[in-house]
Amino acid sequence: MNWLSVASINLAIAVASGAFAAHGLKARLNAEQLAWWHTGTQYFFYHALGLLIVAVLIRLQLAPKSVAWLMQFGIVLFAGSLYLMALGMPRWLGAITPIGGTLFIVAWLWLAWAVAANY
């Protein structure tokens, strides 16, 4: 897997998501739905940038690929569940959001451990 490409694609999607909310969804969603979309996009950006850093560290053999997988699955579950709820899907999807958040936390901690182990 080329994680630099995956991170770059994620960043492009995050930009498109923000633009879509600002120009296409603002008039269609209520304040709560827009807040969900905004939170999803915000964390999407953070972790797509994190994934970009992880991709470089993987190339330098300072981080395992599993960190990248955790971040990617975290993005899909966290942002994806918020996007779906914002678009009117059932609110029980909100139960998936913390799973994505937990994957983010595990990824960052795993990265900290991996980098510390290399020094």
N, C-alpha and C. Protein backbone atom coordinates (compact mmCIF):
# COMPACT_ATOMS: atom_id res chain seq x y z
N MET A 1 0.85 -1.18 0.00
CA MET A 1 0.00 0.00 0.00
C MET A 1 0.89 1.24 0.00
N ASN A 2 0.59 2.16 -0.88
CA ASN A 2 1.33 3.43 -0.93
C ASN A 2 0.62 4.44 -0.03
N TRP A 3 1.08 4.53 1.20
CA TRP A 3 0.40 5.36 2.19
C TRP A 3 0.52 6.85 1.90
N LEU A 4 1.56 7.27 1.19
CA LEU A 4 1.63 8.68 0.80
C LEU A 4 0.48 9.03 -0.15
N SER A 5 0.19 8.13 -1.06
CA SER A 5 -0.94 8.35 -1.98
C SER A 5 -2.27 8.30 -1.24
N VAL A 6 -2.41 7.34 -0.34
CA VAL A 6 -3.66 7.23 0.43
C VAL A 6 -3.88 8.49 1.25
N ALA A 7 -2.84 8.98 1.91
CA ALA A 7 -2.96 10.20 2.71
C ALA A 7 -3.33 11.40 1.83
N SER A 8 -2.71 11.49 0.67
CA SER A 8 -3.01 12.60 -0.24
C SER A 8 -4.45 12.55 -0.72
N ILE A 9 -4.93 11.37 -1.04
CA ILE A 9 -6.33 11.21 -1.46
C ILE A 9 -7.26 11.57 -0.31
N ASN A 10 -6.92 11.13 0.90
CA ASN A 10 -7.73 11.49 2.07
C ASN A 10 -7.80 13.00 2.24
N LEU A 11 -6.68 13.68 2.06
CA LEU A 11 -6.67 15.14 2.21
C LEU A 11 -7.53 15.80 1.14
N ALA A 12 -7.48 15.29 -0.08
CA ALA A 12 -8.33 15.84 -1.14
C ALA A 12 -9.81 15.64 -0.81
N ILE A 13 -10.15 14.46 -0.30
CA ILE A 13 -11.54 14.20 0.08
C ILE A 13 -11.96 15.10 1.24
N ALA A 14 -11.06 15.34 2.19
CA ALA A 14 -11.39 16.21 3.32
C ALA A 14 -11.67 17.63 2.85
N VAL A 15 -10.87 18.13 1.90
CA VAL A 15 -11.12 19.46 1.34
C VAL A 15 -12.48 19.49 0.64
N ALA A 16 -12.73 18.47 -0.17
CA ALA A 16 -14.01 18.39 -0.89
C ALA A 16 -15.18 18.32 0.09
N SER A 17 -15.00 17.59 1.17
CA SER A 17 -16.05 17.46 2.18
C SER A 17 -16.37 18.81 2.82
N GLY A 18 -15.34 19.56 3.15
CA GLY A 18 -15.56 20.88 3.72
C GLY A 18 -16.25 21.82 2.75
N ALA A 19 -15.82 21.77 1.50
CA ALA A 19 -16.43 22.62 0.47
C ALA A 19 -17.88 22.22 0.22
N PHE A 20 -18.13 20.92 0.20
CA PHE A 20 -19.49 20.42 -0.01
C PHE A 20 -20.42 20.90 1.09
N ALA A 21 -19.93 20.87 2.32
CA ALA A 21 -20.76 21.34 3.44
C ALA A 21 -21.04 22.83 3.32
N ALA A 22 -20.00 23.59 2.99
CA ALA A 22 -20.14 25.05 2.93
C ALA A 22 -21.03 25.51 1.78
N HIS A 23 -20.96 24.79 0.66
CA HIS A 23 -21.66 25.26 -0.54
C HIS A 23 -22.88 24.43 -0.92
N GLY A 24 -22.92 23.18 -0.49
CA GLY A 24 -24.01 22.33 -0.93
C GLY A 24 -24.97 21.90 0.16
N LEU A 25 -24.46 21.83 1.39
CA LEU A 25 -25.29 21.31 2.47
C LEU A 25 -25.82 22.36 3.42
N LYS A 26 -25.19 23.51 3.43
CA LYS A 26 -25.53 24.55 4.41
C LYS A 26 -27.03 24.88 4.42
N ALA A 27 -27.64 24.95 3.27
CA ALA A 27 -29.06 25.30 3.19
C ALA A 27 -29.97 24.09 3.41
N ARG A 28 -29.41 22.89 3.42
CA ARG A 28 -30.23 21.68 3.49
C ARG A 28 -30.23 21.00 4.86
N LEU A 29 -29.19 21.26 5.65
CA LEU A 29 -29.07 20.58 6.94
C LEU A 29 -29.35 21.54 8.08
N ASN A 30 -29.81 20.97 9.20
CA ASN A 30 -30.02 21.82 10.38
C ASN A 30 -28.67 22.02 11.09
N ALA A 31 -28.68 22.82 12.14
CA ALA A 31 -27.44 23.18 12.85
C ALA A 31 -26.75 21.95 13.42
N GLU A 32 -27.51 21.01 13.99
CA GLU A 32 -26.92 19.81 14.56
C GLU A 32 -26.26 18.96 13.48
N GLN A 33 -26.93 18.79 12.35
CA GLN A 33 -26.36 18.01 11.26
C GLN A 33 -25.10 18.66 10.71
N LEU A 34 -25.12 19.98 10.56
CA LEU A 34 -23.92 20.68 10.10
C LEU A 34 -22.77 20.54 11.09
N ALA A 35 -23.09 20.54 12.38
CA ALA A 35 -22.05 20.36 13.40
C ALA A 35 -21.43 18.97 13.29
N TRP A 36 -22.26 17.94 13.06
CA TRP A 36 -21.73 16.59 12.86
C TRP A 36 -20.81 16.56 11.65
N TRP A 37 -21.25 17.17 10.56
CA TRP A 37 -20.44 17.19 9.34
C TRP A 37 -19.11 17.90 9.60
N HIS A 38 -19.19 19.05 10.28
CA HIS A 38 -17.99 19.82 10.57
C HIS A 38 -17.01 19.01 11.43
N THR A 39 -17.52 18.35 12.47
CA THR A 39 -16.66 17.53 13.33
C THR A 39 -16.02 16.40 12.54
N GLY A 40 -16.80 15.75 11.70
CA GLY A 40 -16.25 14.68 10.86
C GLY A 40 -15.14 15.19 9.97
N THR A 41 -15.36 16.34 9.35
CA THR A 41 -14.35 16.91 8.45
C THR A 41 -13.11 17.35 9.21
N GLN A 42 -13.30 17.93 10.38
CA GLN A 42 -12.18 18.38 11.20
C GLN A 42 -11.27 17.21 11.57
N TYR A 43 -11.86 16.14 12.08
CA TYR A 43 -11.06 14.98 12.45
C TYR A 43 -10.51 14.26 11.22
N PHE A 44 -11.21 14.31 10.12
CA PHE A 44 -10.73 13.77 8.86
C PHE A 44 -9.41 14.47 8.50
N PHE A 45 -9.42 15.80 8.54
CA PHE A 45 -8.21 16.57 8.24
C PHE A 45 -7.06 16.21 9.18
N TYR A 46 -7.33 16.23 10.48
CA TYR A 46 -6.28 15.95 11.45
C TYR A 46 -5.60 14.61 11.16
N HIS A 47 -6.43 13.62 10.93
CA HIS A 47 -5.88 12.28 10.80
C HIS A 47 -5.36 11.97 9.40
N ALA A 48 -5.86 12.67 8.40
CA ALA A 48 -5.25 12.56 7.07
C ALA A 48 -3.85 13.17 7.09
N LEU A 49 -3.69 14.29 7.79
CA LEU A 49 -2.36 14.88 7.96
C LEU A 49 -1.47 13.95 8.79
N GLY A 50 -2.05 13.38 9.85
CA GLY A 50 -1.31 12.40 10.64
C GLY A 50 -0.88 11.22 9.80
N LEU A 51 -1.77 10.77 8.93
CA LEU A 51 -1.45 9.64 8.05
C LEU A 51 -0.32 10.00 7.09
N LEU A 52 -0.28 11.25 6.65
CA LEU A 52 0.82 11.70 5.80
C LEU A 52 2.15 11.60 6.54
N ILE A 53 2.16 12.02 7.79
CA ILE A 53 3.38 11.92 8.60
C ILE A 53 3.75 10.46 8.82
N VAL A 54 2.76 9.64 9.14
CA VAL A 54 3.00 8.21 9.35
C VAL A 54 3.56 7.57 8.08
N ALA A 55 3.04 7.98 6.92
CA ALA A 55 3.53 7.43 5.65
C ALA A 55 5.02 7.71 5.48
N VAL A 56 5.44 8.91 5.83
CA VAL A 56 6.87 9.25 5.75
C VAL A 56 7.66 8.40 6.74
N LEU A 57 7.14 8.26 7.95
CA LEU A 57 7.83 7.45 8.96
C LEU A 57 7.91 5.98 8.56
N ILE A 58 6.88 5.49 7.88
CA ILE A 58 6.93 4.11 7.37
C ILE A 58 8.05 3.97 6.35
N ARG A 59 8.16 4.95 5.45
CA ARG A 59 9.24 4.92 4.45
C ARG A 59 10.61 4.95 5.10
N LEU A 60 10.72 5.66 6.22
CA LEU A 60 11.99 5.74 6.96
C LEU A 60 12.17 4.56 7.91
N GLN A 61 11.22 3.65 7.90
CA GLN A 61 11.20 2.46 8.75
C GLN A 61 11.21 2.81 10.24
N LEU A 62 10.49 3.88 10.57
CA LEU A 62 10.37 4.31 11.97
C LEU A 62 8.99 4.03 12.54
N ALA A 63 8.07 3.57 11.69
CA ALA A 63 6.71 3.26 12.15
C ALA A 63 6.20 2.04 11.40
N PRO A 64 5.42 1.20 12.08
CA PRO A 64 4.83 0.04 11.41
C PRO A 64 3.62 0.45 10.56
N LYS A 65 3.35 -0.32 9.53
CA LYS A 65 2.20 -0.05 8.66
C LYS A 65 0.87 -0.17 9.41
N SER A 66 0.87 -0.91 10.49
CA SER A 66 -0.37 -1.08 11.26
C SER A 66 -0.88 0.26 11.79
N VAL A 67 0.02 1.21 12.07
CA VAL A 67 -0.41 2.53 12.52
C VAL A 67 -1.23 3.21 11.42
N ALA A 68 -0.77 3.09 10.19
CA ALA A 68 -1.49 3.69 9.06
C ALA A 68 -2.87 3.04 8.90
N TRP A 69 -2.92 1.73 9.00
CA TRP A 69 -4.21 1.04 8.89
C TRP A 69 -5.18 1.48 9.98
N LEU A 70 -4.67 1.61 11.21
CA LEU A 70 -5.53 2.06 12.31
C LEU A 70 -6.08 3.45 12.04
N MET A 71 -5.22 4.35 11.56
CA MET A 71 -5.69 5.71 11.25
C MET A 71 -6.72 5.70 10.13
N GLN A 72 -6.46 4.90 9.10
CA GLN A 72 -7.38 4.87 7.97
C GLN A 72 -8.75 4.32 8.38
N PHE A 73 -8.75 3.23 9.13
CA PHE A 73 -10.03 2.68 9.60
C PHE A 73 -10.71 3.66 10.56
N GLY A 74 -9.91 4.37 11.36
CA GLY A 74 -10.47 5.38 12.24
C GLY A 74 -11.17 6.49 11.46
N ILE A 75 -10.54 6.93 10.38
CA ILE A 75 -11.14 7.96 9.53
C ILE A 75 -12.48 7.48 8.98
N VAL A 76 -12.48 6.28 8.45
CA VAL A 76 -13.71 5.74 7.84
C VAL A 76 -14.83 5.64 8.88
N LEU A 77 -14.51 5.10 10.05
CA LEU A 77 -15.55 4.90 11.06
C LEU A 77 -15.97 6.21 11.73
N PHE A 78 -15.00 7.05 12.08
CA PHE A 78 -15.33 8.29 12.79
C PHE A 78 -16.03 9.27 11.86
N ALA A 79 -15.33 9.70 10.83
CA ALA A 79 -15.92 10.69 9.92
C ALA A 79 -17.11 10.10 9.16
N GLY A 80 -16.97 8.86 8.73
CA GLY A 80 -18.04 8.23 7.96
C GLY A 80 -19.35 8.15 8.71
N SER A 81 -19.29 7.77 9.98
CA SER A 81 -20.53 7.67 10.77
C SER A 81 -21.15 9.04 10.98
N LEU A 82 -20.32 10.07 11.20
CA LEU A 82 -20.86 11.42 11.37
C LEU A 82 -21.47 11.93 10.07
N TYR A 83 -20.81 11.66 8.95
CA TYR A 83 -21.36 12.09 7.65
C TYR A 83 -22.70 11.43 7.39
N LEU A 84 -22.79 10.13 7.66
CA LEU A 84 -24.05 9.42 7.42
C LEU A 84 -25.17 9.96 8.30
N MET A 85 -24.87 10.22 9.57
CA MET A 85 -25.90 10.79 10.45
C MET A 85 -26.31 12.17 9.97
N ALA A 86 -25.35 12.96 9.54
CA ALA A 86 -25.66 14.31 9.06
C ALA A 86 -26.58 14.26 7.84
N LEU A 87 -26.45 13.22 7.05
CA LEU A 87 -27.27 13.08 5.84
C LEU A 87 -28.61 12.42 6.12
N GLY A 88 -28.92 12.21 7.40
CA GLY A 88 -30.24 11.70 7.75
C GLY A 88 -30.32 10.23 8.08
N MET A 89 -29.20 9.54 8.10
CA MET A 89 -29.22 8.13 8.47
C MET A 89 -29.50 8.01 9.97
N PRO A 90 -29.86 6.82 10.45
CA PRO A 90 -30.25 6.66 11.85
C PRO A 90 -29.18 7.12 12.85
N ARG A 91 -29.64 7.66 13.96
CA ARG A 91 -28.73 8.18 14.98
C ARG A 91 -27.94 7.09 15.68
N TRP A 92 -28.38 5.82 15.59
CA TRP A 92 -27.61 4.76 16.23
C TRP A 92 -26.22 4.63 15.60
N LEU A 93 -26.04 5.20 14.41
CA LEU A 93 -24.70 5.20 13.80
C LEU A 93 -23.70 5.97 14.66
N GLY A 94 -24.23 6.83 15.54
CA GLY A 94 -23.36 7.55 16.46
C GLY A 94 -22.59 6.62 17.39
N ALA A 95 -23.08 5.39 17.56
CA ALA A 95 -22.36 4.41 18.38
C ALA A 95 -21.08 3.95 17.70
N ILE A 96 -20.97 4.13 16.40
CA ILE A 96 -19.77 3.73 15.66
C ILE A 96 -18.68 4.79 15.80
N THR A 97 -19.08 6.04 15.98
CA THR A 97 -18.13 7.14 16.03
C THR A 97 -17.03 6.93 17.08
N PRO A 98 -17.36 6.53 18.32
CA PRO A 98 -16.30 6.34 19.31
C PRO A 98 -15.34 5.19 18.98
N ILE A 99 -15.82 4.23 18.20
CA ILE A 99 -14.91 3.15 17.77
C ILE A 99 -13.82 3.75 16.89
N GLY A 100 -14.22 4.62 15.97
CA GLY A 100 -13.24 5.32 15.14
C GLY A 100 -12.30 6.16 15.98
N GLY A 101 -12.86 6.87 16.98
CA GLY A 101 -12.03 7.67 17.87
C GLY A 101 -11.04 6.83 18.65
N THR A 102 -11.48 5.66 19.08
CA THR A 102 -10.59 4.75 19.80
C THR A 102 -9.46 4.29 18.89
N LEU A 103 -9.77 4.02 17.63
CA LEU A 103 -8.72 3.63 16.68
C LEU A 103 -7.71 4.76 16.50
N PHE A 104 -8.17 6.01 16.48
CA PHE A 104 -7.25 7.15 16.41
C PHE A 104 -6.30 7.14 17.61
N ILE A 105 -6.86 6.98 18.80
CA ILE A 105 -6.05 7.00 20.02
C ILE A 105 -5.03 5.87 20.00
N VAL A 106 -5.48 4.67 19.65
CA VAL A 106 -4.57 3.52 19.60
C VAL A 106 -3.47 3.77 18.56
N ALA A 107 -3.83 4.33 17.41
CA ALA A 107 -2.83 4.61 16.38
C ALA A 107 -1.77 5.58 16.89
N TRP A 108 -2.20 6.67 17.53
CA TRP A 108 -1.22 7.65 18.04
C TRP A 108 -0.34 7.05 19.12
N LEU A 109 -0.93 6.25 20.01
CA LEU A 109 -0.12 5.61 21.06
C LEU A 109 0.84 4.58 20.48
N TRP A 110 0.37 3.83 19.50
CA TRP A 110 1.22 2.84 18.85
C TRP A 110 2.38 3.54 18.13
N LEU A 111 2.08 4.67 17.50
CA LEU A 111 3.13 5.45 16.84
C LEU A 111 4.15 5.95 17.87
N ALA A 112 3.67 6.46 19.00
CA ALA A 112 4.58 6.93 20.05
C ALA A 112 5.49 5.81 20.53
N TRP A 113 4.92 4.64 20.73
CA TRP A 113 5.70 3.49 21.17
C TRP A 113 6.72 3.10 20.11
N ALA A 114 6.30 3.04 18.85
CA ALA A 114 7.20 2.62 17.76
C ALA A 114 8.36 3.59 17.59
N VAL A 115 8.07 4.88 17.64
CA VAL A 115 9.14 5.88 17.48
C VAL A 115 10.08 5.82 18.67
N ALA A 116 9.54 5.68 19.88
CA ALA A 116 10.38 5.59 21.08
C ALA A 116 11.26 4.34 21.03
N ALA A 117 10.72 3.25 20.51
CA ALA A 117 11.48 2.01 20.42
C ALA A 117 12.63 2.11 19.43
N ASN A 118 12.53 3.03 18.47
CA ASN A 118 13.58 3.19 17.47
C ASN A 118 14.68 4.15 17.92
N TYR A 119 14.51 4.78 19.08
CA TYR A 119 15.52 5.73 19.56
C TYR A 119 16.12 5.28 20.84
